[in-house]
Protein backbone atom coordinates (compact mmCIF):
# COMPACT_ATOMS: atom_id res chain seq x y z
CA MET A 1 -0.08 0.05 0.10
CA ARG A 2 2.45 2.20 0.76
CA PRO A 3 4.67 2.06 -2.48
CA VAL A 4 1.50 3.17 -4.58
CA ILE A 5 0.89 6.02 -2.10
CA LEU A 6 4.08 7.11 -3.03
CA LEU A 7 3.97 6.59 -6.30
CA LEU A 8 0.17 8.89 -6.39
CA ILE A 9 2.40 11.79 -4.55
CA GLY A 10 5.81 11.40 -6.92
CA LEU A 11 2.77 11.65 -9.42
CA PHE A 12 1.26 14.55 -7.96
CA LEU A 13 4.35 16.60 -7.36
CA THR A 14 5.70 15.61 -11.09
CA GLY A 15 2.68 17.51 -12.74
CA CYS A 16 2.66 20.25 -10.48
CA ALA A 17 6.24 21.07 -11.21
CA GLU A 18 5.62 21.18 -15.19
CA ALA A 19 2.00 22.98 -14.08
CA VAL A 20 3.77 25.69 -12.27
CA GLY A 21 7.15 25.21 -14.97
CA GLU A 22 10.40 27.64 -14.68
CA ASN A 23 9.78 29.87 -17.79
CA VAL A 24 6.26 30.92 -17.18
CA SER A 25 6.30 34.39 -18.92
CA VAL A 26 3.21 36.24 -17.38
CA PRO A 27 1.94 39.02 -20.55
CA VAL A 28 2.15 42.96 -18.71
CA LYS A 29 -0.58 45.39 -20.01
CA LEU A 30 1.07 48.25 -20.82
CA GLU A 31 -0.68 51.22 -21.53
CA SER A 32 0.06 55.18 -22.93
CA GLY A 33 0.16 58.25 -21.28
CA ILE A 34 0.50 61.57 -21.84
CA PHE A 35 3.66 62.49 -18.58
CA THR A 36 4.85 65.72 -17.24
CA ALA A 37 6.07 67.57 -14.24
CA TYR A 38 5.09 69.30 -11.46
CA ASN A 39 6.66 71.52 -8.73
CA ALA A 40 5.45 72.56 -5.15
CA PHE A 41 3.64 75.90 -6.25
CA PRO A 42 0.46 77.58 -6.03
CA GLU A 43 0.82 78.39 -9.32
CA GLN A 44 1.00 75.31 -10.50
CA THR A 45 -1.58 73.92 -8.20
CA ASP A 46 -3.32 75.23 -5.44
CA ASP A 47 -3.26 77.19 -2.11
CA THR A 48 -1.41 74.43 -0.59
CA PRO A 49 0.81 73.42 -2.97
CA GLU A 50 2.49 70.93 -0.59
CA ILE A 51 -0.62 68.81 -0.07
CA THR A 52 -1.82 66.28 -2.36
CA ALA A 53 -5.68 65.75 -3.19
CA SER A 54 -5.58 62.58 -0.99
CA GLY A 55 -4.31 64.90 2.24
CA LYS A 56 -0.48 63.26 1.72
CA ARG A 57 1.82 65.58 1.73
CA VAL A 58 3.86 66.14 -1.44
CA LYS A 59 7.35 63.33 -2.32
CA GLU A 60 8.81 61.75 -5.14
CA GLY A 61 7.37 59.04 -6.27
CA ILE A 62 4.04 61.02 -5.91
CA VAL A 63 2.27 60.83 -10.09
CA ALA A 64 -1.30 62.92 -10.69
CA ASN A 65 -3.65 61.19 -11.97
CA ASN A 66 -7.69 62.51 -12.98
CA CYS A 67 -9.17 58.77 -13.10
CA LEU A 68 -7.18 55.97 -10.95
CA PRO A 69 -8.27 55.63 -7.32
CA PHE A 70 -5.34 57.20 -4.83
CA GLY A 71 -3.04 54.34 -3.91
CA THR A 72 -2.35 53.31 -7.02
CA LYS A 73 0.96 52.18 -8.29
CA ILE A 74 2.23 52.53 -11.82
CA ALA A 75 6.03 52.26 -13.48
CA VAL A 76 7.09 53.93 -16.11
CA ASP A 77 10.50 53.10 -17.28
CA ASP A 78 11.75 50.93 -14.30
CA ARG A 79 10.02 53.31 -11.58
CA ILE A 80 7.28 53.44 -9.38
CA PHE A 81 4.77 56.10 -9.27
CA GLU A 82 1.84 56.49 -6.54
CA VAL A 83 -1.22 57.71 -7.23
CA GLN A 84 -1.48 60.99 -5.18
CA ASP A 85 -3.12 63.75 -6.31
CA ARG A 86 -5.11 65.16 -8.86
CA MET A 87 -4.67 67.39 -12.56
CA ASN A 88 -7.26 69.93 -13.21
CA LYS A 89 -10.02 68.97 -14.34
CA ARG A 90 -9.58 69.84 -17.39
CA TYR A 91 -7.50 66.78 -18.29
CA GLY A 92 -8.31 63.26 -19.34
CA CYS A 93 -7.88 59.73 -17.50
CA ASN A 94 -4.23 59.57 -20.23
CA ASN A 95 -3.08 62.28 -17.90
CA PHE A 96 -0.06 62.24 -15.38
CA ASP A 97 1.25 64.43 -13.59
CA ILE A 98 4.94 63.74 -11.47
CA PHE A 99 5.67 65.31 -8.52
CA MET A 100 9.72 67.05 -9.45
CA TRP A 101 11.23 69.24 -6.48
CA ASP A 102 13.15 71.14 -8.52
CA TYR A 103 12.01 73.54 -10.73
CA GLN A 104 14.37 73.07 -13.76
CA ALA A 105 13.89 68.86 -13.83
CA ALA A 106 10.29 69.70 -14.68
CA ILE A 107 11.21 72.23 -17.34
CA GLU A 108 13.36 69.67 -18.59
CA PHE A 109 10.99 66.67 -18.34
CA GLY A 110 8.92 68.61 -20.53
CA VAL A 111 5.37 66.64 -21.80
CA LYS A 112 6.79 62.89 -23.05
CA GLU A 113 3.82 59.94 -23.60
CA LEU A 114 5.39 57.10 -22.37
CA ASN A 115 4.06 53.72 -21.70
CA TYR A 116 3.15 52.66 -18.13
CA GLU A 117 1.52 49.47 -16.80
CA VAL A 118 -0.49 49.39 -13.44
CA ILE A 119 0.52 47.06 -10.61
């Protein structure tokens, strides 16, 4: 009886290993968006420029978007950003505004169409 149980366990484990596989690739769903950058200045935000729409303090890694829920993380060019702010209502769902402390860096960033992935 024992050899039969061991054989069944071995077959089960072999089947699991084949099902999992070592080279399983998960398709990545990339989306395209228009990315800009902003700073903590009232003329670029509102009268509380260091507080995001979600109530958190601004910091590097924050991104504004009008459609994704607060806390959503996106990957862009090997960097992770978290949605914690909103943009002016004239911007649509495919617009993103990355927070930067450095004004010149934000200007140099400009407007870019980039691929991103919601993670």
